All heavy atoms as atom14 arrays in JSON, in Angstrom:
{
  "sequence": "VWTLCEKFSEFDTPIHFTEISILSGIKSGNKWESTVQGEIDQAKQV",
  "atom14_mask": [
    [1, 1, 1, 1, 1, 1, 1, 0, 0, 0, 0, 0, 0, 0],
    [1, 1, 1, 1, 1, 1, 1, 1, 1, 1, 1, 1, 1, 1],
    [1, 1, 1, 1, 1, 1, 1, 0, 0, 0, 0, 0, 0, 0],
    [1, 1, 1, 1, 1, 1, 1, 1, 0, 0, 0, 0, 0, 0],
    [1, 1, 1, 1, 1, 1, 0, 0, 0, 0, 0, 0, 0, 0],
    [1, 1, 1, 1, 1, 1, 1, 1, 1, 0, 0, 0, 0, 0],
    [1, 1, 1, 1, 1, 1, 1, 1, 1, 0, 0, 0, 0, 0],
    [1, 1, 1, 1, 1, 1, 1, 1, 1, 1, 1, 0, 0, 0],
    [1, 1, 1, 1, 1, 1, 0, 0, 0, 0, 0, 0, 0, 0],
    [1, 1, 1, 1, 1, 1, 1, 1, 1, 0, 0, 0, 0, 0],
    [1, 1, 1, 1, 1, 1, 1, 1, 1, 1, 1, 0, 0, 0],
    [1, 1, 1, 1, 1, 1, 1, 1, 0, 0, 0, 0, 0, 0],
    [1, 1, 1, 1, 1, 1, 1, 0, 0, 0, 0, 0, 0, 0],
    [1, 1, 1, 1, 1, 1, 1, 0, 0, 0, 0, 0, 0, 0],
    [1, 1, 1, 1, 1, 1, 1, 1, 0, 0, 0, 0, 0, 0],
    [1, 1, 1, 1, 1, 1, 1, 1, 1, 1, 0, 0, 0, 0],
    [1, 1, 1, 1, 1, 1, 1, 1, 1, 1, 1, 0, 0, 0],
    [1, 1, 1, 1, 1, 1, 1, 0, 0, 0, 0, 0, 0, 0],
    [1, 1, 1, 1, 1, 1, 1, 1, 1, 0, 0, 0, 0, 0],
    [1, 1, 1, 1, 1, 1, 1, 1, 0, 0, 0, 0, 0, 0],
    [1, 1, 1, 1, 1, 1, 0, 0, 0, 0, 0, 0, 0, 0],
    [1, 1, 1, 1, 1, 1, 1, 1, 0, 0, 0, 0, 0, 0],
    [1, 1, 1, 1, 1, 1, 1, 1, 0, 0, 0, 0, 0, 0],
    [1, 1, 1, 1, 1, 1, 0, 0, 0, 0, 0, 0, 0, 0],
    [1, 1, 1, 1, 0, 0, 0, 0, 0, 0, 0, 0, 0, 0],
    [1, 1, 1, 1, 1, 1, 1, 1, 0, 0, 0, 0, 0, 0],
    [1, 1, 1, 1, 1, 1, 1, 1, 1, 0, 0, 0, 0, 0],
    [1, 1, 1, 1, 1, 1, 0, 0, 0, 0, 0, 0, 0, 0],
    [1, 1, 1, 1, 0, 0, 0, 0, 0, 0, 0, 0, 0, 0],
    [1, 1, 1, 1, 1, 1, 1, 1, 0, 0, 0, 0, 0, 0],
    [1, 1, 1, 1, 1, 1, 1, 1, 1, 0, 0, 0, 0, 0],
    [1, 1, 1, 1, 1, 1, 1, 1, 1, 1, 1, 1, 1, 1],
    [1, 1, 1, 1, 1, 1, 1, 1, 1, 0, 0, 0, 0, 0],
    [1, 1, 1, 1, 1, 1, 0, 0, 0, 0, 0, 0, 0, 0],
    [1, 1, 1, 1, 1, 1, 1, 0, 0, 0, 0, 0, 0, 0],
    [1, 1, 1, 1, 1, 1, 1, 0, 0, 0, 0, 0, 0, 0],
    [1, 1, 1, 1, 1, 1, 1, 1, 1, 0, 0, 0, 0, 0],
    [1, 1, 1, 1, 0, 0, 0, 0, 0, 0, 0, 0, 0, 0],
    [1, 1, 1, 1, 1, 1, 1, 1, 1, 0, 0, 0, 0, 0],
    [1, 1, 1, 1, 1, 1, 1, 1, 0, 0, 0, 0, 0, 0],
    [1, 1, 1, 1, 1, 1, 1, 1, 0, 0, 0, 0, 0, 0],
    [1, 1, 1, 1, 1, 1, 1, 1, 1, 0, 0, 0, 0, 0],
    [1, 1, 1, 1, 1, 0, 0, 0, 0, 0, 0, 0, 0, 0],
    [1, 1, 1, 1, 1, 1, 1, 1, 1, 0, 0, 0, 0, 0],
    [1, 1, 1, 1, 1, 1, 1, 1, 1, 0, 0, 0, 0, 0],
    [1, 1, 1, 1, 1, 1, 1, 0, 0, 0, 0, 0, 0, 0]
  ],
  "atom14_positions": [
    [[0.83, -1.2, 0.0], [0.0, 0.0, 0.0], [0.87, 1.25, 0.0], [0.57, 2.23, -0.7], [-0.95, -0.01, 1.21], [-1.73, 1.3, 1.28], [-1.93, -1.19, 1.11], [0.0, 0.0, 0.0], [0.0, 0.0, 0.0], [0.0, 0.0, 0.0], [0.0, 0.0, 0.0], [0.0, 0.0, 0.0], [0.0, 0.0, 0.0], [0.0, 0.0, 0.0]],
    [[1.95, 1.24, 0.77], [2.83, 2.41, 0.81], [3.42, 2.68, -0.58], [3.54, 3.83, -1.01], [3.95, 2.18, 1.82], [4.84, 3.39, 1.98], [6.02, 3.64, 1.35], [4.57, 4.52, 2.81], [6.51, 4.85, 1.74], [5.65, 5.41, 2.64], [3.53, 4.86, 3.68], [5.72, 6.63, 3.31], [3.61, 6.06, 4.36], [4.69, 6.94, 4.16]],
    [[3.78, 1.62, -1.29], [4.31, 1.78, -2.64], [3.3, 2.47, -3.55], [3.67, 3.33, -4.36], [4.69, 0.4, -3.23], [5.69, -0.19, -2.41], [5.22, 0.52, -4.64], [0.0, 0.0, 0.0], [0.0, 0.0, 0.0], [0.0, 0.0, 0.0], [0.0, 0.0, 0.0], [0.0, 0.0, 0.0], [0.0, 0.0, 0.0], [0.0, 0.0, 0.0]],
    [[2.02, 2.1, -3.41], [0.98, 2.77, -4.19], [0.89, 4.25, -3.86], [0.66, 5.08, -4.75], [-0.37, 2.09, -3.95], [-0.64, 0.79, -4.7], [-1.97, 0.19, -4.25], [-0.67, 1.03, -6.2], [0.0, 0.0, 0.0], [0.0, 0.0, 0.0], [0.0, 0.0, 0.0], [0.0, 0.0, 0.0], [0.0, 0.0, 0.0], [0.0, 0.0, 0.0]],
    [[1.05, 4.59, -2.6], [1.0, 6.0, -2.19], [2.07, 6.82, -2.89], [1.88, 8.0, -3.2], [1.18, 6.14, -0.68], [-0.14, 5.42, 0.31], [0.0, 0.0, 0.0], [0.0, 0.0, 0.0], [0.0, 0.0, 0.0], [0.0, 0.0, 0.0], [0.0, 0.0, 0.0], [0.0, 0.0, 0.0], [0.0, 0.0, 0.0], [0.0, 0.0, 0.0]],
    [[3.23, 6.2, -3.11], [4.39, 6.92, -3.65], [4.53, 6.79, -5.16], [5.27, 7.54, -5.79], [5.66, 6.37, -2.99], [5.68, 6.51, -1.47], [5.74, 7.96, -1.04], [6.72, 8.65, -1.4], [4.8, 8.4, -0.36], [0.0, 0.0, 0.0], [0.0, 0.0, 0.0], [0.0, 0.0, 0.0], [0.0, 0.0, 0.0], [0.0, 0.0, 0.0]],
    [[3.8, 5.86, -5.76], [4.07, 5.42, -7.13], [3.87, 6.52, -8.18], [4.6, 6.58, -9.17], [3.16, 4.23, -7.45], [3.5, 3.53, -8.75], [2.7, 2.24, -8.86], [3.11, 1.45, -10.08], [2.39, 0.16, -10.18], [0.0, 0.0, 0.0], [0.0, 0.0, 0.0], [0.0, 0.0, 0.0], [0.0, 0.0, 0.0], [0.0, 0.0, 0.0]],
    [[2.89, 7.39, -7.97], [2.54, 8.36, -9.01], [2.89, 9.79, -8.61], [2.26, 10.75, -9.07], [1.05, 8.24, -9.33], [0.64, 6.84, -9.7], [-0.11, 6.06, -8.84], [1.03, 6.29, -10.91], [-0.48, 4.76, -9.16], [0.67, 5.0, -11.26], [-0.08, 4.23, -10.39], [0.0, 0.0, 0.0], [0.0, 0.0, 0.0], [0.0, 0.0, 0.0]],
    [[3.91, 9.95, -7.77], [4.28, 11.27, -7.27], [4.71, 12.22, -8.38], [4.64, 13.44, -8.23], [5.39, 11.14, -6.22], [6.52, 10.49, -6.77], [0.0, 0.0, 0.0], [0.0, 0.0, 0.0], [0.0, 0.0, 0.0], [0.0, 0.0, 0.0], [0.0, 0.0, 0.0], [0.0, 0.0, 0.0], [0.0, 0.0, 0.0], [0.0, 0.0, 0.0]],
    [[5.16, 11.69, -9.51], [5.61, 12.53, -10.62], [4.49, 13.43, -11.17], [4.77, 14.47, -11.77], [6.16, 11.67, -11.75], [5.11, 10.82, -12.44], [5.7, 9.86, -13.47], [6.09, 8.74, -13.07], [5.78, 10.25, -14.64], [0.0, 0.0, 0.0], [0.0, 0.0, 0.0], [0.0, 0.0, 0.0], [0.0, 0.0, 0.0], [0.0, 0.0, 0.0]],
    [[3.23, 13.04, -10.94], [2.12, 13.84, -11.46], [1.74, 14.99, -10.53], [0.94, 15.85, -10.9], [0.91, 12.95, -11.72], [1.14, 11.96, -12.83], [1.46, 10.63, -12.54], [1.05, 12.34, -14.16], [1.69, 9.72, -13.55], [1.28, 11.43, -15.18], [1.59, 10.12, -14.88], [0.0, 0.0, 0.0], [0.0, 0.0, 0.0], [0.0, 0.0, 0.0]],
    [[2.3, 14.98, -9.32], [2.1, 16.07, -8.37], [0.62, 16.35, -8.12], [0.17, 17.5, -8.08], [2.79, 17.34, -8.86], [2.94, 18.38, -7.75], [3.02, 17.98, -6.57], [2.96, 19.59, -8.07], [0.0, 0.0, 0.0], [0.0, 0.0, 0.0], [0.0, 0.0, 0.0], [0.0, 0.0, 0.0], [0.0, 0.0, 0.0], [0.0, 0.0, 0.0]],
    [[-0.15, 15.29, -7.98], [-1.58, 15.42, -7.65], [-1.88, 14.51, -6.46], [-1.2, 13.52, -6.22], [-2.47, 15.0, -8.83], [-2.14, 13.65, -9.23], [-2.3, 15.92, -10.02], [0.0, 0.0, 0.0], [0.0, 0.0, 0.0], [0.0, 0.0, 0.0], [0.0, 0.0, 0.0], [0.0, 0.0, 0.0], [0.0, 0.0, 0.0], [0.0, 0.0, 0.0]],
    [[-2.92, 14.84, -5.7], [-3.27, 14.02, -4.53], [-3.73, 12.62, -4.92], [-4.15, 12.37, -6.06], [-4.42, 14.79, -3.88], [-4.34, 16.17, -4.44], [-3.77, 16.03, -5.81], [0.0, 0.0, 0.0], [0.0, 0.0, 0.0], [0.0, 0.0, 0.0], [0.0, 0.0, 0.0], [0.0, 0.0, 0.0], [0.0, 0.0, 0.0], [0.0, 0.0, 0.0]],
    [[-3.67, 11.73, -3.95], [-4.17, 10.36, -4.09], [-5.42, 10.21, -3.23], [-5.45, 10.63, -2.08], [-3.12, 9.34, -3.61], [-1.83, 9.43, -4.44], [-3.69, 7.92, -3.63], [-1.95, 8.92, -5.84], [0.0, 0.0, 0.0], [0.0, 0.0, 0.0], [0.0, 0.0, 0.0], [0.0, 0.0, 0.0], [0.0, 0.0, 0.0], [0.0, 0.0, 0.0]],
    [[-6.47, 9.63, -3.82], [-7.63, 9.18, -3.05], [-7.67, 7.65, -3.13], [-7.61, 7.09, -4.24], [-8.94, 9.73, -3.63], [-9.19, 11.17, -3.32], [-10.43, 11.74, -3.44], [-8.36, 12.15, -2.88], [-10.36, 13.02, -3.11], [-9.12, 13.29, -2.77], [0.0, 0.0, 0.0], [0.0, 0.0, 0.0], [0.0, 0.0, 0.0], [0.0, 0.0, 0.0]],
    [[-7.74, 7.0, -1.99], [-8.04, 5.56, -1.98], [-9.56, 5.45, -2.03], [-10.25, 5.62, -1.02], [-7.4, 4.88, -0.78], [-5.96, 4.57, -1.0], [-5.01, 5.57, -0.95], [-5.56, 3.28, -1.33], [-3.66, 5.3, -1.2], [-4.21, 2.99, -1.58], [-3.27, 4.01, -1.52], [0.0, 0.0, 0.0], [0.0, 0.0, 0.0], [0.0, 0.0, 0.0]],
    [[-10.08, 5.19, -3.22], [-11.5, 5.39, -3.53], [-12.4, 4.22, -3.15], [-13.6, 4.41, -2.94], [-11.67, 5.66, -5.02], [-11.06, 4.58, -5.76], [-11.03, 6.98, -5.42], [0.0, 0.0, 0.0], [0.0, 0.0, 0.0], [0.0, 0.0, 0.0], [0.0, 0.0, 0.0], [0.0, 0.0, 0.0], [0.0, 0.0, 0.0], [0.0, 0.0, 0.0]],
    [[-11.84, 3.02, -3.08], [-12.65, 1.84, -2.79], [-11.79, 0.84, -2.02], [-11.0, 0.12, -2.62], [-13.18, 1.2, -4.08], [-14.0, 2.14, -4.95], [-14.46, 1.49, -6.25], [-14.63, 0.25, -6.27], [-14.64, 2.22, -7.25], [0.0, 0.0, 0.0], [0.0, 0.0, 0.0], [0.0, 0.0, 0.0], [0.0, 0.0, 0.0], [0.0, 0.0, 0.0]],
    [[-11.95, 0.81, -0.71], [-11.19, -0.1, 0.13], [-12.1, -1.19, 0.69], [-13.14, -0.88, 1.28], [-10.49, 0.65, 1.28], [-9.3, 1.46, 0.75], [-10.02, -0.32, 2.36], [-8.54, 2.19, 1.82], [0.0, 0.0, 0.0], [0.0, 0.0, 0.0], [0.0, 0.0, 0.0], [0.0, 0.0, 0.0], [0.0, 0.0, 0.0], [0.0, 0.0, 0.0]],
    [[-11.71, -2.42, 0.49], [-12.43, -3.56, 1.08], [-11.45, -4.45, 1.81], [-10.46, -4.91, 1.22], [-13.14, -4.39, 0.0], [-14.08, -3.62, -0.71], [0.0, 0.0, 0.0], [0.0, 0.0, 0.0], [0.0, 0.0, 0.0], [0.0, 0.0, 0.0], [0.0, 0.0, 0.0], [0.0, 0.0, 0.0], [0.0, 0.0, 0.0], [0.0, 0.0, 0.0]],
    [[-11.68, -4.66, 3.09], [-10.95, -5.65, 3.89], [-11.99, -6.55, 4.54], [-12.92, -6.06, 5.17], [-10.08, -4.97, 4.97], [-9.04, -4.05, 4.32], [-9.39, -6.02, 5.84], [-8.22, -3.27, 5.34], [0.0, 0.0, 0.0], [0.0, 0.0, 0.0], [0.0, 0.0, 0.0], [0.0, 0.0, 0.0], [0.0, 0.0, 0.0], [0.0, 0.0, 0.0]],
    [[-11.85, -7.85, 4.39], [-12.91, -8.78, 4.8], [-12.74, -9.23, 6.24], [-11.64, -9.24, 6.8], [-12.93, -9.99, 3.88], [-13.0, -9.73, 2.37], [-13.28, -11.02, 1.63], [-14.02, -8.67, 2.03], [0.0, 0.0, 0.0], [0.0, 0.0, 0.0], [0.0, 0.0, 0.0], [0.0, 0.0, 0.0], [0.0, 0.0, 0.0], [0.0, 0.0, 0.0]],
    [[-13.87, -9.65, 6.82], [-13.87, -10.17, 8.2], [-14.27, -11.65, 8.22], [-14.82, -12.14, 9.2], [-14.83, -9.37, 9.08], [-16.16, -9.45, 8.57], [0.0, 0.0, 0.0], [0.0, 0.0, 0.0], [0.0, 0.0, 0.0], [0.0, 0.0, 0.0], [0.0, 0.0, 0.0], [0.0, 0.0, 0.0], [0.0, 0.0, 0.0], [0.0, 0.0, 0.0]],
    [[-14.0, -12.34, 7.13], [-14.31, -13.76, 7.05], [-13.64, -14.39, 5.84], [-13.28, -13.69, 4.89], [0.0, 0.0, 0.0], [0.0, 0.0, 0.0], [0.0, 0.0, 0.0], [0.0, 0.0, 0.0], [0.0, 0.0, 0.0], [0.0, 0.0, 0.0], [0.0, 0.0, 0.0], [0.0, 0.0, 0.0], [0.0, 0.0, 0.0], [0.0, 0.0, 0.0]],
    [[-13.48, -15.71, 5.88], [-12.86, -16.46, 4.78], [-13.94, -17.27, 4.08], [-14.78, -17.9, 4.72], [-11.76, -17.39, 5.3], [-10.66, -16.56, 5.97], [-11.15, -18.21, 4.16], [-9.6, -17.4, 6.64], [0.0, 0.0, 0.0], [0.0, 0.0, 0.0], [0.0, 0.0, 0.0], [0.0, 0.0, 0.0], [0.0, 0.0, 0.0], [0.0, 0.0, 0.0]],
    [[-13.91, -17.29, 2.75], [-14.92, -18.01, 1.98], [-14.76, -19.51, 2.14], [-13.66, -20.05, 2.05], [-14.83, -17.63, 0.5], [-16.05, -18.03, -0.31], [-16.0, -17.41, -1.7], [-17.29, -17.67, -2.45], [-17.27, -17.03, -3.79], [0.0, 0.0, 0.0], [0.0, 0.0, 0.0], [0.0, 0.0, 0.0], [0.0, 0.0, 0.0], [0.0, 0.0, 0.0]],
    [[-15.88, -20.18, 2.4], [-15.9, -21.63, 2.52], [-17.03, -22.16, 1.66], [-18.2, -22.04, 2.01], [-16.1, -22.05, 3.99], [-16.19, -23.45, 4.1], [0.0, 0.0, 0.0], [0.0, 0.0, 0.0], [0.0, 0.0, 0.0], [0.0, 0.0, 0.0], [0.0, 0.0, 0.0], [0.0, 0.0, 0.0], [0.0, 0.0, 0.0], [0.0, 0.0, 0.0]],
    [[-16.68, -22.73, 0.5], [-17.71, -23.18, -0.43], [-18.49, -21.99, -0.94], [-17.93, -21.03, -1.46], [0.0, 0.0, 0.0], [0.0, 0.0, 0.0], [0.0, 0.0, 0.0], [0.0, 0.0, 0.0], [0.0, 0.0, 0.0], [0.0, 0.0, 0.0], [0.0, 0.0, 0.0], [0.0, 0.0, 0.0], [0.0, 0.0, 0.0], [0.0, 0.0, 0.0]],
    [[-19.81, -22.05, -0.78], [-20.65, -20.92, -1.18], [-20.9, -19.94, -0.05], [-21.58, -18.93, -0.23], [-22.01, -21.45, -1.7], [-21.85, -22.23, -2.99], [-21.01, -21.91, -3.82], [-22.65, -23.28, -3.14], [0.0, 0.0, 0.0], [0.0, 0.0, 0.0], [0.0, 0.0, 0.0], [0.0, 0.0, 0.0], [0.0, 0.0, 0.0], [0.0, 0.0, 0.0]],
    [[-20.37, -20.24, 1.14], [-20.6, -19.38, 2.3], [-19.43, -18.43, 2.49], [-18.26, -18.81, 2.4], [-20.8, -20.23, 3.55], [-22.06, -21.1, 3.53], [-22.31, -21.74, 4.87], [-22.69, -20.71, 5.91], [-23.05, -21.34, 7.22], [0.0, 0.0, 0.0], [0.0, 0.0, 0.0], [0.0, 0.0, 0.0], [0.0, 0.0, 0.0], [0.0, 0.0, 0.0]],
    [[-19.77, -17.19, 2.76], [-18.76, -16.16, 2.98], [-19.3, -15.25, 4.08], [-19.85, -14.19, 3.83], [-18.54, -15.38, 1.7], [-17.17, -14.77, 1.59], [-16.25, -14.66, 2.56], [-16.59, -14.21, 0.41], [-15.11, -14.05, 2.09], [-15.28, -13.77, 0.76], [-17.02, -14.04, -0.89], [-14.43, -13.16, -0.15], [-16.17, -13.44, -1.81], [-14.88, -13.01, -1.44]],
    [[-19.13, -15.71, 5.31], [-19.71, -15.01, 6.44], [-18.63, -14.43, 7.35], [-17.5, -14.93, 7.41], [-20.59, -15.98, 7.26], [-21.76, -16.56, 6.49], [-22.83, -15.55, 6.15], [-22.87, -14.48, 6.81], [-23.62, -15.82, 5.24], [0.0, 0.0, 0.0], [0.0, 0.0, 0.0], [0.0, 0.0, 0.0], [0.0, 0.0, 0.0], [0.0, 0.0, 0.0]],
    [[-19.01, -13.39, 8.07], [-18.12, -12.8, 9.05], [-17.95, -13.75, 10.24], [-18.89, -14.44, 10.64], [-18.7, -11.46, 9.53], [-17.78, -10.75, 10.31], [0.0, 0.0, 0.0], [0.0, 0.0, 0.0], [0.0, 0.0, 0.0], [0.0, 0.0, 0.0], [0.0, 0.0, 0.0], [0.0, 0.0, 0.0], [0.0, 0.0, 0.0], [0.0, 0.0, 0.0]],
    [[-16.74, -13.8, 10.8], [-16.46, -14.64, 11.96], [-15.82, -13.79, 13.06], [-15.32, -12.69, 12.8], [-15.5, -15.78, 11.6], [-14.22, -15.24, 11.24], [-16.04, -16.62, 10.45], [0.0, 0.0, 0.0], [0.0, 0.0, 0.0], [0.0, 0.0, 0.0], [0.0, 0.0, 0.0], [0.0, 0.0, 0.0], [0.0, 0.0, 0.0], [0.0, 0.0, 0.0]],
    [[-15.81, -14.32, 14.28], [-15.22, -13.58, 15.41], [-13.74, -13.31, 15.14], [-13.26, -12.18, 15.27], [-15.4, -14.36, 16.72], [-14.59, -13.7, 17.84], [-16.88, -14.43, 17.1], [0.0, 0.0, 0.0], [0.0, 0.0, 0.0], [0.0, 0.0, 0.0], [0.0, 0.0, 0.0], [0.0, 0.0, 0.0], [0.0, 0.0, 0.0], [0.0, 0.0, 0.0]],
    [[-12.99, -14.34, 14.75], [-11.57, -14.15, 14.48], [-11.37, -13.25, 13.26], [-10.45, -12.42, 13.22], [-10.87, -15.49, 14.25], [-9.35, -15.37, 14.07], [-8.67, -14.71, 15.25], [-8.89, -15.09, 16.4], [-7.84, -13.7, 14.99], [0.0, 0.0, 0.0], [0.0, 0.0, 0.0], [0.0, 0.0, 0.0], [0.0, 0.0, 0.0], [0.0, 0.0, 0.0]],
    [[-12.23, -13.42, 12.26], [-12.14, -12.58, 11.08], [-12.34, -11.1, 11.41], [-11.67, -10.22, 10.85], [0.0, 0.0, 0.0], [0.0, 0.0, 0.0], [0.0, 0.0, 0.0], [0.0, 0.0, 0.0], [0.0, 0.0, 0.0], [0.0, 0.0, 0.0], [0.0, 0.0, 0.0], [0.0, 0.0, 0.0], [0.0, 0.0, 0.0], [0.0, 0.0, 0.0]],
    [[-13.25, -10.82, 12.33], [-13.5, -9.44, 12.73], [-12.32, -8.86, 13.51], [-12.0, -7.67, 13.39], [-14.8, -9.35, 13.52], [-16.02, -9.58, 12.64], [-17.33, -9.56, 13.41], [-17.39, -8.93, 14.47], [-18.3, -10.18, 12.93], [0.0, 0.0, 0.0], [0.0, 0.0, 0.0], [0.0, 0.0, 0.0], [0.0, 0.0, 0.0], [0.0, 0.0, 0.0]],
    [[-11.67, -9.67, 14.3], [-10.46, -9.22, 15.01], [-9.35, -8.91, 14.01], [-8.69, -7.87, 14.09], [-10.0, -10.28, 16.03], [-11.02, -10.39, 17.17], [-8.61, -9.94, 16.58], [-10.76, -11.54, 18.12], [0.0, 0.0, 0.0], [0.0, 0.0, 0.0], [0.0, 0.0, 0.0], [0.0, 0.0, 0.0], [0.0, 0.0, 0.0], [0.0, 0.0, 0.0]],
    [[-9.16, -9.82, 13.05], [-8.13, -9.6, 12.03], [-8.44, -8.36, 11.19], [-7.54, -7.56, 10.89], [-8.02, -10.82, 11.13], [-7.47, -12.05, 11.85], [-6.85, -11.88, 12.92], [-7.7, -13.17, 11.36], [0.0, 0.0, 0.0], [0.0, 0.0, 0.0], [0.0, 0.0, 0.0], [0.0, 0.0, 0.0], [0.0, 0.0, 0.0], [0.0, 0.0, 0.0]],
    [[-9.69, -8.2, 10.8], [-10.09, -7.04, 10.01], [-9.79, -5.74, 10.76], [-9.27, -4.78, 10.18], [-11.59, -7.11, 9.69], [-12.09, -5.96, 8.82], [-13.61, -5.89, 8.77], [-14.28, -6.05, 9.81], [-14.17, -5.68, 7.6], [0.0, 0.0, 0.0], [0.0, 0.0, 0.0], [0.0, 0.0, 0.0], [0.0, 0.0, 0.0], [0.0, 0.0, 0.0]],
    [[-10.08, -5.72, 12.06], [-9.84, -4.52, 12.86], [-8.36, -4.18, 12.93], [-7.96, -3.01, 12.83], [-10.41, -4.7, 14.26], [0.0, 0.0, 0.0], [0.0, 0.0, 0.0], [0.0, 0.0, 0.0], [0.0, 0.0, 0.0], [0.0, 0.0, 0.0], [0.0, 0.0, 0.0], [0.0, 0.0, 0.0], [0.0, 0.0, 0.0], [0.0, 0.0, 0.0]],
    [[-7.51, -5.19, 13.11], [-6.06, -4.96, 13.13], [-5.59, -4.37, 11.8], [-4.78, -3.43, 11.76], [-5.32, -6.27, 13.41], [-5.5, -6.83, 14.8], [-4.72, -8.14, 14.93], [-4.89, -8.76, 16.31], [-4.17, -10.06, 16.42], [0.0, 0.0, 0.0], [0.0, 0.0, 0.0], [0.0, 0.0, 0.0], [0.0, 0.0, 0.0], [0.0, 0.0, 0.0]],
    [[-6.1, -4.92, 10.72], [-5.68, -4.47, 9.4], [-6.2, -3.06, 9.1], [-5.5, -2.25, 8.47], [-6.16, -5.48, 8.35], [-5.44, -6.81, 8.47], [-6.2, -7.98, 7.87], [-7.28, -7.82, 7.29], [-5.65, -9.18, 8.02], [0.0, 0.0, 0.0], [0.0, 0.0, 0.0], [0.0, 0.0, 0.0], [0.0, 0.0, 0.0], [0.0, 0.0, 0.0]],
    [[-7.4, -2.77, 9.56], [-7.94, -1.42, 9.41], [-7.07, -0.41, 10.15], [-6.74, 0.66, 9.63], [-9.4, -1.34, 9.91], [-9.83, 0.09, 10.18], [-10.34, -1.98, 8.9], [0.0, 0.0, 0.0], [0.0, 0.0, 0.0], [0.0, 0.0, 0.0], [0.0, 0.0, 0.0], [0.0, 0.0, 0.0], [0.0, 0.0, 0.0], [0.0, 0.0, 0.0]]
  ]
}
């Protein structure tokens, strides 16, 4: 992520991170639900 922040500095314009998704669960078959551990991991990453 830090590399992305710095990557386009030559254009001298601001960066907006326009669409951020970090999940709180791991997909299992057709189910993709939030879990207690997933929510803890998501919070740390946020």
